[in-house]
Amino acid sequence: LLPENSTYKVIQKYLRDLKSKLSDERYD
């Protein structure tokens, strides 16, 4: 929500963390 933050960067960081820590799980 911080106005100066990039939503795109937040999404990319979140997906990278999921892939590295929960590689066996499937998600859309």
PDB file of all heavy atoms in Angstrom:
ATOM      1  N   LEU A   1       0.785  -1.233   0.000  1.00  0.00           N
ATOM      2  CA  LEU A   1       0.000   0.000   0.000  1.00  0.00           C
ATOM      3  C   LEU A   1       0.817   1.285   0.000  1.00  0.00           C
ATOM      4  O   LEU A   1       0.283   2.341  -0.334  1.00  0.00           O
ATOM      5  CB  LEU A   1      -0.940  -0.003   1.213  1.00  0.00           C
ATOM      6  CG  LEU A   1      -2.000  -1.112   1.234  1.00  0.00           C
ATOM      7  CD1 LEU A   1      -2.789  -1.064   2.524  1.00  0.00           C
ATOM      8  CD2 LEU A   1      -2.933  -1.000   0.038  1.00  0.00           C
ATOM      9  N   LEU A   2       2.076   1.234   0.408  1.00  0.00           N
ATOM     10  CA  LEU A   2       2.861   2.466   0.403  1.00  0.00           C
ATOM     11  C   LEU A   2       2.852   3.061  -1.003  1.00  0.00           C
ATOM     12  O   LEU A   2       3.263   2.395  -1.969  1.00  0.00           O
ATOM     13  CB  LEU A   2       4.304   2.186   0.849  1.00  0.00           C
ATOM     14  CG  LEU A   2       4.569   2.219   2.361  1.00  0.00           C
ATOM     15  CD1 LEU A   2       5.973   1.727   2.668  1.00  0.00           C
ATOM     16  CD2 LEU A   2       4.388   3.625   2.913  1.00  0.00           C
ATOM     17  N   PRO A   3       2.382   4.286  -1.154  1.00  0.00           N
ATOM     18  CA  PRO A   3       2.220   4.858  -2.501  1.00  0.00           C
ATOM     19  C   PRO A   3       3.484   4.840  -3.337  1.00  0.00           C
ATOM     20  O   PRO A   3       3.428   4.674  -4.561  1.00  0.00           O
ATOM     21  CB  PRO A   3       1.778   6.304  -2.204  1.00  0.00           C
ATOM     22  CG  PRO A   3       1.090   6.217  -0.875  1.00  0.00           C
ATOM     23  CD  PRO A   3       1.859   5.183  -0.097  1.00  0.00           C
ATOM     24  N   GLU A   4       4.646   4.992  -2.685  1.00  0.00           N
ATOM     25  CA  GLU A   4       5.887   5.046  -3.464  1.00  0.00           C
ATOM     26  C   GLU A   4       6.387   3.656  -3.878  1.00  0.00           C
ATOM     27  O   GLU A   4       7.325   3.533  -4.683  1.00  0.00           O
ATOM     28  CB  GLU A   4       6.987   5.767  -2.669  1.00  0.00           C
ATOM     29  CG  GLU A   4       7.403   5.081  -1.370  1.00  0.00           C
ATOM     30  CD  GLU A   4       6.613   5.583  -0.161  1.00  0.00           C
ATOM     31  OE1 GLU A   4       5.484   6.067  -0.360  1.00  0.00           O
ATOM     32  OE2 GLU A   4       7.143   5.473   0.968  1.00  0.00           O
ATOM     33  N   ASN A   5       5.795   2.588  -3.336  1.00  0.00           N
ATOM     34  CA  ASN A   5       6.243   1.232  -3.684  1.00  0.00           C
ATOM     35  C   ASN A   5       5.649   0.784  -5.021  1.00  0.00           C
ATOM     36  O   ASN A   5       4.534   1.175  -5.396  1.00  0.00           O
ATOM     37  CB  ASN A   5       5.852   0.239  -2.595  1.00  0.00           C
ATOM     38  CG  ASN A   5       6.767   0.327  -1.387  1.00  0.00           C
ATOM     39  OD1 ASN A   5       7.653   1.189  -1.339  1.00  0.00           O
ATOM     40  ND2 ASN A   5       6.571  -0.524  -0.405  1.00  0.00           N
ATOM     41  N   SER A   6       6.389  -0.080  -5.708  1.00  0.00           N
ATOM     42  CA  SER A   6       5.947  -0.619  -6.995  1.00  0.00           C
ATOM     43  C   SER A   6       5.195  -1.935  -6.764  1.00  0.00           C
ATOM     44  O   SER A   6       5.745  -2.878  -6.192  1.00  0.00           O
ATOM     45  CB  SER A   6       7.144  -0.862  -7.908  1.00  0.00           C
ATOM     46  OG  SER A   6       6.797  -1.715  -8.961  1.00  0.00           O
ATOM     47  N   THR A   7       3.941  -1.996  -7.227  1.00  0.00           N
ATOM     48  CA  THR A   7       3.150  -3.226  -7.087  1.00  0.00           C
ATOM     49  C   THR A   7       3.819  -4.370  -7.851  1.00  0.00           C
ATOM     50  O   THR A   7       3.850  -5.512  -7.382  1.00  0.00           O
ATOM     51  CB  THR A   7       1.717  -3.017  -7.619  1.00  0.00           C
ATOM     52  OG1 THR A   7       1.189  -1.820  -7.063  1.00  0.00           O
ATOM     53  CG2 THR A   7       0.817  -4.177  -7.253  1.00  0.00           C
ATOM     54  N   TYR A   8       4.355  -4.064  -8.996  1.00  0.00           N
ATOM     55  CA  TYR A   8       5.016  -5.084  -9.815  1.00  0.00           C
ATOM     56  C   TYR A   8       6.159  -5.738  -9.034  1.00  0.00           C
ATOM     57  O   TYR A   8       6.295  -6.964  -9.017  1.00  0.00           O
ATOM     58  CB  TYR A   8       5.539  -4.450 -11.097  1.00  0.00           C
ATOM     59  CG  TYR A   8       6.348  -5.391 -11.955  1.00  0.00           C
ATOM     60  CD1 TYR A   8       5.729  -6.351 -12.750  1.00  0.00           C
ATOM     61  CD2 TYR A   8       7.747  -5.338 -11.946  1.00  0.00           C
ATOM     62  CE1 TYR A   8       6.471  -7.226 -13.530  1.00  0.00           C
ATOM     63  CE2 TYR A   8       8.508  -6.215 -12.706  1.00  0.00           C
ATOM     64  CZ  TYR A   8       7.870  -7.161 -13.497  1.00  0.00           C
ATOM     65  OH  TYR A   8       8.604  -8.031 -14.263  1.00  0.00           O
ATOM     66  N   LYS A   9       6.975  -4.911  -8.366  1.00  0.00           N
ATOM     67  CA  LYS A   9       8.114  -5.455  -7.613  1.00  0.00           C
ATOM     68  C   LYS A   9       7.651  -6.319  -6.442  1.00  0.00           C
ATOM     69  O   LYS A   9       8.251  -7.344  -6.132  1.00  0.00           O
ATOM     70  CB  LYS A   9       8.990  -4.309  -7.114  1.00  0.00           C
ATOM     71  CG  LYS A   9       9.800  -3.633  -8.218  1.00  0.00           C
ATOM     72  CD  LYS A   9      10.679  -2.531  -7.650  1.00  0.00           C
ATOM     73  CE  LYS A   9      11.504  -1.882  -8.756  1.00  0.00           C
ATOM     74  NZ  LYS A   9      12.348  -0.769  -8.242  1.00  0.00           N
ATOM     75  N   VAL A  10       6.558  -5.893  -5.801  1.00  0.00           N
ATOM     76  CA  VAL A  10       6.020  -6.675  -4.675  1.00  0.00           C
ATOM     77  C   VAL A  10       5.559  -8.043  -5.163  1.00  0.00           C
ATOM     78  O   VAL A  10       5.844  -9.072  -4.539  1.00  0.00           O
ATOM     79  CB  VAL A  10       4.842  -5.918  -4.000  1.00  0.00           C
ATOM     80  CG1 VAL A  10       4.145  -6.805  -2.962  1.00  0.00           C
ATOM     81  CG2 VAL A  10       5.327  -4.638  -3.336  1.00  0.00           C
ATOM     82  N   ILE A  11       4.852  -8.066  -6.301  1.00  0.00           N
ATOM     83  CA  ILE A  11       4.356  -9.337  -6.851  1.00  0.00           C
ATOM     84  C   ILE A  11       5.522 -10.253  -7.221  1.00  0.00           C
ATOM     85  O   ILE A  11       5.523 -11.452  -6.894  1.00  0.00           O
ATOM     86  CB  ILE A  11       3.467  -9.075  -8.096  1.00  0.00           C
ATOM     87  CG1 ILE A  11       2.169  -8.362  -7.660  1.00  0.00           C
ATOM     88  CG2 ILE A  11       3.137 -10.380  -8.816  1.00  0.00           C
ATOM     89  CD1 ILE A  11       1.353  -7.822  -8.827  1.00  0.00           C
ATOM     90  N   GLN A  12       6.524  -9.701  -7.912  1.00  0.00           N
ATOM     91  CA  GLN A  12       7.673 -10.509  -8.336  1.00  0.00           C
ATOM     92  C   GLN A  12       8.436 -11.080  -7.141  1.00  0.00           C
ATOM     93  O   GLN A  12       8.827 -12.255  -7.145  1.00  0.00           O
ATOM     94  CB  GLN A  12       8.616  -9.664  -9.216  1.00  0.00           C
ATOM     95  CG  GLN A  12       8.014  -9.266 -10.561  1.00  0.00           C
ATOM     96  CD  GLN A  12       7.540 -10.470 -11.353  1.00  0.00           C
ATOM     97  OE1 GLN A  12       8.282 -11.446 -11.538  1.00  0.00           O
ATOM     98  NE2 GLN A  12       6.279 -10.432 -11.794  1.00  0.00           N
ATOM     99  N   LYS A  13       8.629 -10.272  -6.122  1.00  0.00           N
ATOM    100  CA  LYS A  13       9.338 -10.740  -4.909  1.00  0.00           C
ATOM    101  C   LYS A  13       8.550 -11.858  -4.224  1.00  0.00           C
ATOM    102  O   LYS A  13       9.118 -12.877  -3.803  1.00  0.00           O
ATOM    103  CB  LYS A  13       9.548  -9.576  -3.940  1.00  0.00           C
ATOM    104  CG  LYS A  13      10.247  -9.957  -2.637  1.00  0.00           C
ATOM    105  CD  LYS A  13      10.409  -8.747  -1.728  1.00  0.00           C
ATOM    106  CE  LYS A  13      11.088  -9.118  -0.418  1.00  0.00           C
ATOM    107  NZ  LYS A  13      10.336 -10.085   0.386  1.00  0.00           N
ATOM    108  N   TYR A  14       7.232 -11.693  -4.133  1.00  0.00           N
ATOM    109  CA  TYR A  14       6.382 -12.698  -3.486  1.00  0.00           C
ATOM    110  C   TYR A  14       6.458 -14.026  -4.242  1.00  0.00           C
ATOM    111  O   TYR A  14       6.631 -15.096  -3.627  1.00  0.00           O
ATOM    112  CB  TYR A  14       4.936 -12.186  -3.428  1.00  0.00           C
ATOM    113  CG  TYR A  14       3.963 -13.189  -2.853  1.00  0.00           C
ATOM    114  CD1 TYR A  14       3.879 -13.410  -1.482  1.00  0.00           C
ATOM    115  CD2 TYR A  14       3.115 -13.913  -3.689  1.00  0.00           C
ATOM    116  CE1 TYR A  14       2.987 -14.333  -0.960  1.00  0.00           C
ATOM    117  CE2 TYR A  14       2.219 -14.839  -3.174  1.00  0.00           C
ATOM    118  CZ  TYR A  14       2.155 -15.047  -1.807  1.00  0.00           C
ATOM    119  OH  TYR A  14       1.273 -15.962  -1.277  1.00  0.00           O
ATOM    120  N   LEU A  15       6.372 -13.977  -5.583  1.00  0.00           N
ATOM    121  CA  LEU A  15       6.412 -15.203  -6.386  1.00  0.00           C
ATOM    122  C   LEU A  15       7.781 -15.882  -6.301  1.00  0.00           C
ATOM    123  O   LEU A  15       7.866 -17.116  -6.254  1.00  0.00           O
ATOM    124  CB  LEU A  15       6.057 -14.885  -7.844  1.00  0.00           C
ATOM    125  CG  LEU A  15       4.597 -14.447  -8.087  1.00  0.00           C
ATOM    126  CD1 LEU A  15       4.408 -14.015  -9.544  1.00  0.00           C
ATOM    127  CD2 LEU A  15       3.634 -15.580  -7.744  1.00  0.00           C
ATOM    128  N   ARG A  16       8.846 -15.091  -6.246  1.00  0.00           N
ATOM    129  CA  ARG A  16      10.196 -15.679  -6.116  1.00  0.00           C
ATOM    130  C   ARG A  16      10.316 -16.434  -4.788  1.00  0.00           C
ATOM    131  O   ARG A  16      10.864 -17.544  -4.735  1.00  0.00           O
ATOM    132  CB  ARG A  16      11.265 -14.580  -6.179  1.00  0.00           C
ATOM    133  CG  ARG A  16      11.602 -14.111  -7.589  1.00  0.00           C
ATOM    134  CD  ARG A  16      12.934 -13.370  -7.621  1.00  0.00           C
ATOM    135  NE  ARG A  16      12.969 -12.242  -6.707  1.00  0.00           N
ATOM    136  CZ  ARG A  16      12.564 -11.012  -7.001  1.00  0.00           C
ATOM    137  NH1 ARG A  16      12.083 -10.753  -8.217  1.00  0.00           N
ATOM    138  NH2 ARG A  16      12.642 -10.046  -6.095  1.00  0.00           N
ATOM    139  N   ASP A  17       9.801 -15.827  -3.706  1.00  0.00           N
ATOM    140  CA  ASP A  17       9.866 -16.483  -2.392  1.00  0.00           C
ATOM    141  C   ASP A  17       9.081 -17.786  -2.395  1.00  0.00           C
ATOM    142  O   ASP A  17       9.505 -18.795  -1.815  1.00  0.00           O
ATOM    143  CB  ASP A  17       9.317 -15.550  -1.304  1.00  0.00           C
ATOM    144  CG  ASP A  17      10.265 -14.407  -1.003  1.00  0.00           C
ATOM    145  OD1 ASP A  17      11.423 -14.488  -1.427  1.00  0.00           O
ATOM    146  OD2 ASP A  17       9.840 -13.432  -0.327  1.00  0.00           O
ATOM    147  N   LEU A  18       7.904 -17.776  -3.040  1.00  0.00           N
ATOM    148  CA  LEU A  18       7.106 -19.005  -3.108  1.00  0.00           C
ATOM    149  C   LEU A  18       7.865 -20.114  -3.845  1.00  0.00           C
ATOM    150  O   LEU A  18       7.910 -21.263  -3.392  1.00  0.00           O
ATOM    151  CB  LEU A  18       5.789 -18.734  -3.840  1.00  0.00           C
ATOM    152  CG  LEU A  18       4.625 -18.114  -3.056  1.00  0.00           C
ATOM    153  CD1 LEU A  18       3.400 -17.986  -3.964  1.00  0.00           C
ATOM    154  CD2 LEU A  18       4.273 -18.944  -1.835  1.00  0.00           C
ATOM    155  N   LYS A  19       8.450 -19.747  -4.961  1.00  0.00           N
ATOM    156  CA  LYS A  19       9.153 -20.753  -5.773  1.00  0.00           C
ATOM    157  C   LYS A  19      10.354 -21.336  -5.044  1.00  0.00           C
ATOM    158  O   LYS A  19      10.638 -22.537  -5.138  1.00  0.00           O
ATOM    159  CB  LYS A  19       9.604 -20.126  -7.101  1.00  0.00           C
ATOM    160  CG  LYS A  19       8.458 -19.872  -8.058  1.00  0.00           C
ATOM    161  CD  LYS A  19       8.935 -19.127  -9.303  1.00  0.00           C
ATOM    162  CE  LYS A  19       7.766 -18.793 -10.233  1.00  0.00           C
ATOM    163  NZ  LYS A  19       8.208 -17.994 -11.399  1.00  0.00           N
ATOM    164  N   SER A  20      11.076 -20.501  -4.296  1.00  0.00           N
ATOM    165  CA  SER A  20      12.290 -20.986  -3.639  1.00  0.00           C
ATOM    166  C   SER A  20      11.977 -21.784  -2.366  1.00  0.00           C
ATOM    167  O   SER A  20      12.715 -22.712  -2.029  1.00  0.00           O
ATOM    168  CB  SER A  20      13.202 -19.809  -3.290  1.00  0.00           C
ATOM    169  OG  SER A  20      12.562 -18.952  -2.357  1.00  0.00           O
ATOM    170  N   LYS A  21      10.895 -21.452  -1.692  1.00  0.00           N
ATOM    171  CA  LYS A  21      10.613 -22.098  -0.394  1.00  0.00           C
ATOM    172  C   LYS A  21       9.505 -23.152  -0.468  1.00  0.00           C
ATOM    173  O   LYS A  21       9.429 -24.020   0.403  1.00  0.00           O
ATOM    174  CB  LYS A  21      10.245 -21.036   0.647  1.00  0.00           C
ATOM    175  CG  LYS A  21      11.401 -20.082   0.934  1.00  0.00           C
ATOM    176  CD  LYS A  21      10.985 -18.938   1.853  1.00  0.00           C
ATOM    177  CE  LYS A  21      12.145 -17.978   2.077  1.00  0.00           C
ATOM    178  NZ  LYS A  21      11.764 -16.799   2.881  1.00  0.00           N
ATOM    179  N   LEU A  22       8.621 -23.039  -1.461  1.00  0.00           N
ATOM    180  CA  LEU A  22       7.528 -24.020  -1.609  1.00  0.00           C
ATOM    181  C   LEU A  22       7.471 -24.494  -3.058  1.00  0.00           C
ATOM    182  O   LEU A  22       6.453 -24.352  -3.738  1.00  0.00           O
ATOM    183  CB  LEU A  22       6.192 -23.382  -1.197  1.00  0.00           C
ATOM    184  CG  LEU A  22       6.054 -22.907   0.256  1.00  0.00           C
ATOM    185  CD1 LEU A  22       4.739 -22.160   0.438  1.00  0.00           C
ATOM    186  CD2 LEU A  22       6.138 -24.067   1.237  1.00  0.00           C
ATOM    187  N   SER A  23       8.560 -25.059  -3.528  1.00  0.00           N
ATOM    188  CA  SER A  23       8.680 -25.432  -4.954  1.00  0.00           C
ATOM    189  C   SER A  23       7.720 -26.554  -5.346  1.00  0.00           C
ATOM    190  O   SER A  23       7.387 -26.716  -6.527  1.00  0.00           O
ATOM    191  CB  SER A  23      10.121 -25.851  -5.258  1.00  0.00           C
ATOM    192  OG  SER A  23      10.516 -26.876  -4.368  1.00  0.00           O
ATOM    193  N   ASP A  24       7.260 -27.355  -4.383  1.00  0.00           N
ATOM    194  CA  ASP A  24       6.377 -28.483  -4.695  1.00  0.00           C
ATOM    195  C   ASP A  24       4.915 -28.073  -4.814  1.00  0.00           C
ATOM    196  O   ASP A  24       4.090 -28.851  -5.314  1.00  0.00           O
ATOM    197  CB  ASP A  24       6.498 -29.573  -3.625  1.00  0.00           C
ATOM    198  CG  ASP A  24       7.896 -30.181  -3.590  1.00  0.00           C
ATOM    199  OD1 ASP A  24       8.561 -30.115  -4.643  1.00  0.00           O
ATOM    200  OD2 ASP A  24       8.301 -30.692  -2.535  1.00  0.00           O
ATOM    201  N   GLU A  25       4.574 -26.908  -4.340  1.00  0.00           N
ATOM    202  CA  GLU A  25       3.164 -26.484  -4.352  1.00  0.00           C
ATOM    203  C   GLU A  25       2.811 -25.837  -5.689  1.00  0.00           C
ATOM    204  O   GLU A  25       3.639 -25.208  -6.339  1.00  0.00           O
ATOM    205  CB  GLU A  25       2.886 -25.500  -3.208  1.00  0.00           C
ATOM    206  CG  GLU A  25       2.880 -26.168  -1.852  1.00  0.00           C
ATOM    207  CD  GLU A  25       2.274 -25.271  -0.772  1.00  0.00           C
ATOM    208  OE1 GLU A  25       1.645 -24.248  -1.117  1.00  0.00           O
ATOM    209  OE2 GLU A  25       2.430 -25.611   0.421  1.00  0.00           O
ATOM    210  N   ARG A  26       1.511 -25.975  -6.062  1.00  0.00           N
ATOM    211  CA  ARG A  26       1.026 -25.356  -7.300  1.00  0.00           C
ATOM    212  C   ARG A  26       0.113 -24.179  -6.950  1.00  0.00           C
ATOM    213  O   ARG A  26      -0.669 -24.240  -5.999  1.00  0.00           O
ATOM    214  CB  ARG A  26       0.231 -26.373  -8.132  1.00  0.00           C
ATOM    215  CG  ARG A  26       1.094 -27.491  -8.649  1.00  0.00           C
ATOM    216  CD  ARG A  26       0.316 -28.359  -9.607  1.00  0.00           C
ATOM    217  NE  ARG A  26       1.130 -29.407 -10.177  1.00  0.00           N
ATOM    218  CZ  ARG A  26       0.726 -30.255 -11.118  1.00  0.00           C
ATOM    219  NH1 ARG A  26      -0.517 -30.147 -11.602  1.00  0.00           N
ATOM    220  NH2 ARG A  26       1.522 -31.189 -11.583  1.00  0.00           N
ATOM    221  N   TYR A  27       0.218 -23.135  -7.721  1.00  0.00           N
ATOM    222  CA  TYR A  27      -0.600 -21.943  -7.476  1.00  0.00           C
ATOM    223  C   TYR A  27      -0.683 -21.172  -8.788  1.00  0.00           C
ATOM    224  O   TYR A  27       0.153 -21.310  -9.674  1.00  0.00           O
ATOM    225  CB  TYR A  27       0.006 -21.067  -6.384  1.00  0.00           C
ATOM    226  CG  TYR A  27       1.502 -21.042  -6.395  1.00  0.00           C
ATOM    227  CD1 TYR A  27       2.193 -20.217  -7.284  1.00  0.00           C
ATOM    228  CD2 TYR A  27       2.253 -21.866  -5.542  1.00  0.00           C
ATOM    229  CE1 TYR A  27       3.567 -20.213  -7.314  1.00  0.00           C
ATOM    230  CE2 TYR A  27       3.635 -21.855  -5.577  1.00  0.00           C
ATOM    231  CZ  TYR A  27       4.294 -21.033  -6.455  1.00  0.00           C
ATOM    232  OH  TYR A  27       5.663 -21.028  -6.507  1.00  0.00           O
ATOM    233  N   ASP A  28      -1.735 -20.361  -8.905  1.00  0.00           N
ATOM    234  CA  ASP A  28      -2.001 -19.599 -10.126  1.00  0.00           C
ATOM    235  C   ASP A  28      -1.402 -18.201  -9.964  1.00  0.00           C
ATOM    236  O   ASP A  28      -1.887 -17.385  -9.166  1.00  0.00           O
ATOM    237  CB  ASP A  28      -3.512 -19.509 -10.352  1.00  0.00           C
ATOM    238  CG  ASP A  28      -3.856 -18.945 -11.719  1.00  0.00           C
ATOM    239  OD1 ASP A  28      -3.193 -17.962 -12.130  1.00  0.00           O
ATOM    240  OD2 ASP A  28      -4.785 -19.465 -12.358  1.00  0.00           O
TER     241      ASP A  28
END
